[in-house]
All heavy atoms as atom14 arrays in JSON, in Angstrom:
{
  "sequence": "HRLLDAIFPLQLRAQFWRLLSTPARRRFQRH",
  "atom14_mask": [
    [1, 1, 1, 1, 1, 1, 1, 1, 1, 1, 0, 0, 0, 0],
    [1, 1, 1, 1, 1, 1, 1, 1, 1, 1, 1, 0, 0, 0],
    [1, 1, 1, 1, 1, 1, 1, 1, 0, 0, 0, 0, 0, 0],
    [1, 1, 1, 1, 1, 1, 1, 1, 0, 0, 0, 0, 0, 0],
    [1, 1, 1, 1, 1, 1, 1, 1, 0, 0, 0, 0, 0, 0],
    [1, 1, 1, 1, 1, 0, 0, 0, 0, 0, 0, 0, 0, 0],
    [1, 1, 1, 1, 1, 1, 1, 1, 0, 0, 0, 0, 0, 0],
    [1, 1, 1, 1, 1, 1, 1, 1, 1, 1, 1, 0, 0, 0],
    [1, 1, 1, 1, 1, 1, 1, 0, 0, 0, 0, 0, 0, 0],
    [1, 1, 1, 1, 1, 1, 1, 1, 0, 0, 0, 0, 0, 0],
    [1, 1, 1, 1, 1, 1, 1, 1, 1, 0, 0, 0, 0, 0],
    [1, 1, 1, 1, 1, 1, 1, 1, 0, 0, 0, 0, 0, 0],
    [1, 1, 1, 1, 1, 1, 1, 1, 1, 1, 1, 0, 0, 0],
    [1, 1, 1, 1, 1, 0, 0, 0, 0, 0, 0, 0, 0, 0],
    [1, 1, 1, 1, 1, 1, 1, 1, 1, 0, 0, 0, 0, 0],
    [1, 1, 1, 1, 1, 1, 1, 1, 1, 1, 1, 0, 0, 0],
    [1, 1, 1, 1, 1, 1, 1, 1, 1, 1, 1, 1, 1, 1],
    [1, 1, 1, 1, 1, 1, 1, 1, 1, 1, 1, 0, 0, 0],
    [1, 1, 1, 1, 1, 1, 1, 1, 0, 0, 0, 0, 0, 0],
    [1, 1, 1, 1, 1, 1, 1, 1, 0, 0, 0, 0, 0, 0],
    [1, 1, 1, 1, 1, 1, 0, 0, 0, 0, 0, 0, 0, 0],
    [1, 1, 1, 1, 1, 1, 1, 0, 0, 0, 0, 0, 0, 0],
    [1, 1, 1, 1, 1, 1, 1, 0, 0, 0, 0, 0, 0, 0],
    [1, 1, 1, 1, 1, 0, 0, 0, 0, 0, 0, 0, 0, 0],
    [1, 1, 1, 1, 1, 1, 1, 1, 1, 1, 1, 0, 0, 0],
    [1, 1, 1, 1, 1, 1, 1, 1, 1, 1, 1, 0, 0, 0],
    [1, 1, 1, 1, 1, 1, 1, 1, 1, 1, 1, 0, 0, 0],
    [1, 1, 1, 1, 1, 1, 1, 1, 1, 1, 1, 0, 0, 0],
    [1, 1, 1, 1, 1, 1, 1, 1, 1, 0, 0, 0, 0, 0],
    [1, 1, 1, 1, 1, 1, 1, 1, 1, 1, 1, 0, 0, 0],
    [1, 1, 1, 1, 1, 1, 1, 1, 1, 1, 0, 0, 0, 0]
  ],
  "atom14_positions": [
    [[200.02, 53.55, 167.73], [201.4, 53.09, 167.53], [201.47, 52.0, 166.47], [202.45, 51.91, 165.75], [202.01, 52.63, 168.85], [201.38, 51.43, 169.47], [200.15, 51.48, 170.08], [201.8, 50.15, 169.55], [199.84, 50.29, 170.54], [200.81, 49.47, 170.23], [0.0, 0.0, 0.0], [0.0, 0.0, 0.0], [0.0, 0.0, 0.0], [0.0, 0.0, 0.0]],
    [[200.42, 51.14, 166.36], [200.46, 50.1, 165.34], [200.36, 50.72, 163.94], [200.99, 50.25, 163.0], [199.31, 49.12, 165.57], [199.48, 48.26, 166.84], [198.42, 47.16, 166.89], [198.6, 46.32, 168.07], [198.03, 46.55, 169.23], [197.26, 47.61, 169.39], [198.24, 45.75, 170.26], [0.0, 0.0, 0.0], [0.0, 0.0, 0.0], [0.0, 0.0, 0.0]],
    [[199.54, 51.77, 163.81], [199.44, 52.46, 162.52], [200.77, 53.07, 162.13], [201.23, 52.96, 160.99], [198.36, 53.54, 162.6], [198.19, 54.42, 161.35], [197.78, 53.57, 160.17], [197.16, 55.52, 161.62], [0.0, 0.0, 0.0], [0.0, 0.0, 0.0], [0.0, 0.0, 0.0], [0.0, 0.0, 0.0], [0.0, 0.0, 0.0], [0.0, 0.0, 0.0]],
    [[201.43, 53.71, 163.09], [202.73, 54.32, 162.79], [203.77, 53.27, 162.47], [204.64, 53.47, 161.61], [203.19, 55.18, 163.98], [202.4, 56.47, 164.18], [202.88, 57.18, 165.43], [202.52, 57.38, 162.98], [0.0, 0.0, 0.0], [0.0, 0.0, 0.0], [0.0, 0.0, 0.0], [0.0, 0.0, 0.0], [0.0, 0.0, 0.0], [0.0, 0.0, 0.0]],
    [[203.72, 52.13, 163.17], [204.65, 51.04, 162.86], [204.53, 50.63, 161.39], [205.52, 50.31, 160.73], [204.36, 49.83, 163.74], [204.9, 50.01, 165.15], [205.73, 50.91, 165.34], [204.45, 49.28, 166.04], [0.0, 0.0, 0.0], [0.0, 0.0, 0.0], [0.0, 0.0, 0.0], [0.0, 0.0, 0.0], [0.0, 0.0, 0.0], [0.0, 0.0, 0.0]],
    [[203.28, 50.62, 160.9], [203.06, 50.18, 159.53], [203.5, 51.24, 158.51], [203.92, 50.91, 157.4], [201.58, 49.85, 159.33], [0.0, 0.0, 0.0], [0.0, 0.0, 0.0], [0.0, 0.0, 0.0], [0.0, 0.0, 0.0], [0.0, 0.0, 0.0], [0.0, 0.0, 0.0], [0.0, 0.0, 0.0], [0.0, 0.0, 0.0], [0.0, 0.0, 0.0]],
    [[203.4, 52.52, 158.89], [203.68, 53.6, 157.93], [205.13, 54.02, 157.96], [205.77, 54.21, 156.91], [202.78, 54.82, 158.23], [201.3, 54.43, 158.06], [203.13, 55.98, 157.32], [200.35, 55.54, 158.44], [0.0, 0.0, 0.0], [0.0, 0.0, 0.0], [0.0, 0.0, 0.0], [0.0, 0.0, 0.0], [0.0, 0.0, 0.0], [0.0, 0.0, 0.0]],
    [[205.7, 54.19, 159.16], [207.02, 54.76, 159.3], [208.01, 53.74, 159.87], [207.69, 53.08, 160.86], [207.01, 55.95, 160.27], [206.18, 57.11, 159.79], [205.02, 57.46, 160.45], [206.57, 57.85, 158.69], [204.26, 58.51, 160.02], [205.81, 58.92, 158.26], [204.65, 59.26, 158.92], [0.0, 0.0, 0.0], [0.0, 0.0, 0.0], [0.0, 0.0, 0.0]],
    [[209.2, 53.62, 159.31], [210.27, 52.9, 160.0], [210.56, 53.6, 161.32], [210.31, 54.79, 161.47], [211.44, 53.0, 159.03], [210.86, 53.37, 157.72], [209.62, 54.16, 158.02], [0.0, 0.0, 0.0], [0.0, 0.0, 0.0], [0.0, 0.0, 0.0], [0.0, 0.0, 0.0], [0.0, 0.0, 0.0], [0.0, 0.0, 0.0], [0.0, 0.0, 0.0]],
    [[211.12, 52.85, 162.28], [211.38, 53.4, 163.6], [212.17, 54.68, 163.55], [211.88, 55.65, 164.23], [212.12, 52.35, 164.45], [212.43, 52.74, 165.89], [211.15, 52.96, 166.66], [213.27, 51.67, 166.55], [0.0, 0.0, 0.0], [0.0, 0.0, 0.0], [0.0, 0.0, 0.0], [0.0, 0.0, 0.0], [0.0, 0.0, 0.0], [0.0, 0.0, 0.0]],
    [[213.21, 54.73, 162.66], [214.09, 55.89, 162.67], [213.42, 57.14, 162.1], [213.93, 58.25, 162.27], [215.38, 55.6, 161.87], [215.15, 55.31, 160.38], [214.96, 53.84, 160.12], [214.51, 53.12, 161.01], [215.29, 53.4, 158.93], [0.0, 0.0, 0.0], [0.0, 0.0, 0.0], [0.0, 0.0, 0.0], [0.0, 0.0, 0.0], [0.0, 0.0, 0.0]],
    [[212.26, 56.98, 161.43], [211.58, 58.14, 160.86], [210.41, 58.62, 161.72], [209.85, 59.68, 161.47], [211.04, 57.81, 159.46], [212.09, 57.52, 158.39], [211.41, 57.26, 157.05], [213.08, 58.68, 158.26], [0.0, 0.0, 0.0], [0.0, 0.0, 0.0], [0.0, 0.0, 0.0], [0.0, 0.0, 0.0], [0.0, 0.0, 0.0], [0.0, 0.0, 0.0]],
    [[210.06, 57.84, 162.76], [208.88, 58.21, 163.54], [209.06, 59.54, 164.27], [208.11, 60.29, 164.45], [208.56, 57.11, 164.55], [207.54, 56.13, 164.01], [207.06, 55.23, 165.12], [207.7, 53.93, 165.0], [207.81, 53.09, 165.99], [207.36, 53.4, 167.17], [208.39, 51.93, 165.82], [0.0, 0.0, 0.0], [0.0, 0.0, 0.0], [0.0, 0.0, 0.0]],
    [[210.29, 59.84, 164.7], [210.52, 61.11, 165.39], [210.14, 62.28, 164.49], [209.62, 63.29, 164.95], [211.98, 61.23, 165.82], [0.0, 0.0, 0.0], [0.0, 0.0, 0.0], [0.0, 0.0, 0.0], [0.0, 0.0, 0.0], [0.0, 0.0, 0.0], [0.0, 0.0, 0.0], [0.0, 0.0, 0.0], [0.0, 0.0, 0.0], [0.0, 0.0, 0.0]],
    [[210.4, 62.14, 163.19], [210.08, 63.22, 162.27], [208.57, 63.45, 162.21], [208.11, 64.59, 162.01], [210.62, 62.9, 160.88], [212.12, 62.7, 160.83], [212.88, 63.92, 161.35], [212.52, 65.05, 161.05], [213.91, 63.68, 162.14], [0.0, 0.0, 0.0], [0.0, 0.0, 0.0], [0.0, 0.0, 0.0], [0.0, 0.0, 0.0], [0.0, 0.0, 0.0]],
    [[207.77, 62.4, 162.37], [206.32, 62.55, 162.36], [205.87, 63.54, 163.43], [205.04, 64.42, 163.18], [205.67, 61.18, 162.58], [204.17, 61.24, 162.8], [203.3, 61.25, 161.73], [203.65, 61.27, 164.09], [201.93, 61.29, 161.94], [202.28, 61.31, 164.3], [201.42, 61.33, 163.22], [0.0, 0.0, 0.0], [0.0, 0.0, 0.0], [0.0, 0.0, 0.0]],
    [[206.42, 63.39, 164.62], [205.99, 64.26, 165.73], [206.5, 65.68, 165.57], [205.9, 66.61, 166.09], [206.46, 63.65, 167.05], [205.8, 62.34, 167.3], [206.31, 61.1, 167.04], [204.48, 62.13, 167.78], [205.39, 60.13, 167.34], [204.25, 60.73, 167.8], [203.46, 62.99, 168.2], [203.06, 60.18, 168.22], [202.27, 62.43, 168.63], [202.09, 61.04, 168.64]],
    [[207.56, 65.87, 164.8], [208.06, 67.21, 164.55], [207.13, 68.0, 163.63], [207.16, 69.22, 163.61], [209.46, 67.15, 163.93], [210.52, 66.58, 164.85], [211.77, 66.19, 164.08], [212.37, 67.33, 163.44], [213.23, 68.16, 164.03], [213.56, 67.95, 165.27], [213.74, 69.17, 163.39], [0.0, 0.0, 0.0], [0.0, 0.0, 0.0], [0.0, 0.0, 0.0]],
    [[206.32, 67.3, 162.86], [205.44, 67.95, 161.91], [204.13, 68.43, 162.55], [203.41, 69.22, 161.96], [205.11, 66.99, 160.75], [206.3, 66.55, 159.9], [205.85, 65.54, 158.87], [206.97, 67.73, 159.23], [0.0, 0.0, 0.0], [0.0, 0.0, 0.0], [0.0, 0.0, 0.0], [0.0, 0.0, 0.0], [0.0, 0.0, 0.0], [0.0, 0.0, 0.0]],
    [[203.83, 67.91, 163.74], [202.61, 68.31, 164.42], [202.75, 69.75, 164.92], [203.65, 70.06, 165.7], [202.31, 67.38, 165.6], [202.04, 65.92, 165.24], [201.76, 65.14, 166.51], [200.89, 65.79, 164.27], [0.0, 0.0, 0.0], [0.0, 0.0, 0.0], [0.0, 0.0, 0.0], [0.0, 0.0, 0.0], [0.0, 0.0, 0.0], [0.0, 0.0, 0.0]],
    [[201.89, 70.63, 164.47], [202.0, 72.02, 164.85], [200.61, 72.57, 165.14], [199.62, 72.17, 164.53], [202.67, 72.84, 163.74], [202.83, 74.18, 164.14], [0.0, 0.0, 0.0], [0.0, 0.0, 0.0], [0.0, 0.0, 0.0], [0.0, 0.0, 0.0], [0.0, 0.0, 0.0], [0.0, 0.0, 0.0], [0.0, 0.0, 0.0], [0.0, 0.0, 0.0]],
    [[200.53, 73.46, 166.08], [199.28, 74.11, 166.44], [199.54, 75.61, 166.55], [200.69, 76.04, 166.67], [198.75, 73.59, 167.79], [199.68, 73.99, 168.81], [198.6, 72.07, 167.78], [0.0, 0.0, 0.0], [0.0, 0.0, 0.0], [0.0, 0.0, 0.0], [0.0, 0.0, 0.0], [0.0, 0.0, 0.0], [0.0, 0.0, 0.0], [0.0, 0.0, 0.0]],
    [[198.49, 76.42, 166.5], [198.7, 77.87, 166.68], [199.42, 78.2, 167.98], [200.26, 79.09, 168.02], [197.27, 78.42, 166.66], [196.51, 77.45, 165.81], [197.1, 76.1, 166.13], [0.0, 0.0, 0.0], [0.0, 0.0, 0.0], [0.0, 0.0, 0.0], [0.0, 0.0, 0.0], [0.0, 0.0, 0.0], [0.0, 0.0, 0.0], [0.0, 0.0, 0.0]],
    [[199.1, 77.45, 169.07], [199.76, 77.72, 170.35], [201.26, 77.44, 170.27], [202.08, 78.18, 170.82], [199.13, 76.88, 171.45], [0.0, 0.0, 0.0], [0.0, 0.0, 0.0], [0.0, 0.0, 0.0], [0.0, 0.0, 0.0], [0.0, 0.0, 0.0], [0.0, 0.0, 0.0], [0.0, 0.0, 0.0], [0.0, 0.0, 0.0], [0.0, 0.0, 0.0]],
    [[201.62, 76.35, 169.57], [203.04, 76.04, 169.4], [203.74, 77.14, 168.61], [204.86, 77.54, 168.93], [203.2, 74.7, 168.7], [202.85, 73.49, 169.54], [203.02, 72.21, 168.76], [202.61, 71.04, 169.53], [203.4, 70.39, 170.37], [204.66, 70.78, 170.52], [202.96, 69.34, 171.04], [0.0, 0.0, 0.0], [0.0, 0.0, 0.0], [0.0, 0.0, 0.0]],
    [[203.09, 77.6, 167.57], [203.71, 78.65, 166.76], [203.85, 79.95, 167.54], [204.84, 80.67, 167.39], [202.89, 78.86, 165.48], [202.99, 77.66, 164.51], [202.41, 77.99, 163.16], [200.96, 78.13, 163.19], [200.1, 77.13, 163.03], [200.55, 75.9, 162.85], [198.8, 77.36, 163.04], [0.0, 0.0, 0.0], [0.0, 0.0, 0.0], [0.0, 0.0, 0.0]],
    [[202.86, 80.25, 168.39], [202.98, 81.45, 169.24], [204.15, 81.29, 170.19], [204.88, 82.26, 170.46], [201.69, 81.67, 170.02], [200.55, 82.23, 169.18], [199.43, 82.76, 170.06], [198.83, 81.72, 170.87], [197.79, 80.97, 170.48], [197.27, 81.15, 169.28], [197.29, 80.04, 171.28], [0.0, 0.0, 0.0], [0.0, 0.0, 0.0], [0.0, 0.0, 0.0]],
    [[204.34, 80.08, 170.74], [205.46, 79.84, 171.65], [206.79, 80.02, 170.92], [207.73, 80.61, 171.46], [205.37, 78.43, 172.24], [206.47, 78.09, 173.19], [206.52, 78.66, 174.45], [207.47, 77.19, 172.84], [207.53, 78.35, 175.34], [208.49, 76.88, 173.72], [208.52, 77.45, 174.98], [0.0, 0.0, 0.0], [0.0, 0.0, 0.0], [0.0, 0.0, 0.0]],
    [[206.86, 79.53, 169.7], [208.09, 79.7, 168.92], [208.39, 81.18, 168.7], [209.54, 81.61, 168.81], [207.95, 78.98, 167.58], [207.99, 77.46, 167.69], [207.67, 76.77, 166.39], [206.73, 77.15, 165.68], [208.45, 75.76, 166.06], [0.0, 0.0, 0.0], [0.0, 0.0, 0.0], [0.0, 0.0, 0.0], [0.0, 0.0, 0.0], [0.0, 0.0, 0.0]],
    [[207.35, 81.97, 168.4], [207.57, 83.4, 168.2], [208.02, 84.07, 169.49], [208.87, 84.96, 169.49], [206.29, 84.05, 167.67], [205.96, 83.67, 166.23], [204.9, 84.59, 165.65], [203.62, 84.44, 166.32], [202.68, 83.58, 165.95], [202.87, 82.78, 164.91], [201.53, 83.52, 166.61], [0.0, 0.0, 0.0], [0.0, 0.0, 0.0], [0.0, 0.0, 0.0]],
    [[207.46, 83.6, 170.63], [207.88, 84.14, 171.93], [209.37, 83.85, 172.18], [210.1, 84.74, 172.66], [207.03, 83.53, 173.04], [207.6, 83.72, 174.41], [207.64, 84.94, 175.04], [208.19, 82.83, 175.28], [208.22, 84.81, 176.22], [208.55, 83.55, 176.39], [0.0, 0.0, 0.0], [0.0, 0.0, 0.0], [0.0, 0.0, 0.0], [0.0, 0.0, 0.0]]
  ]
}
């Protein structure tokens, strides 16, 4: 969280987590 505080303003941190993707997530999206 300290690293993210330094990189992203609070209002942009949600976007960081939206970028995390895995094959399982993509399979769920296709489902």
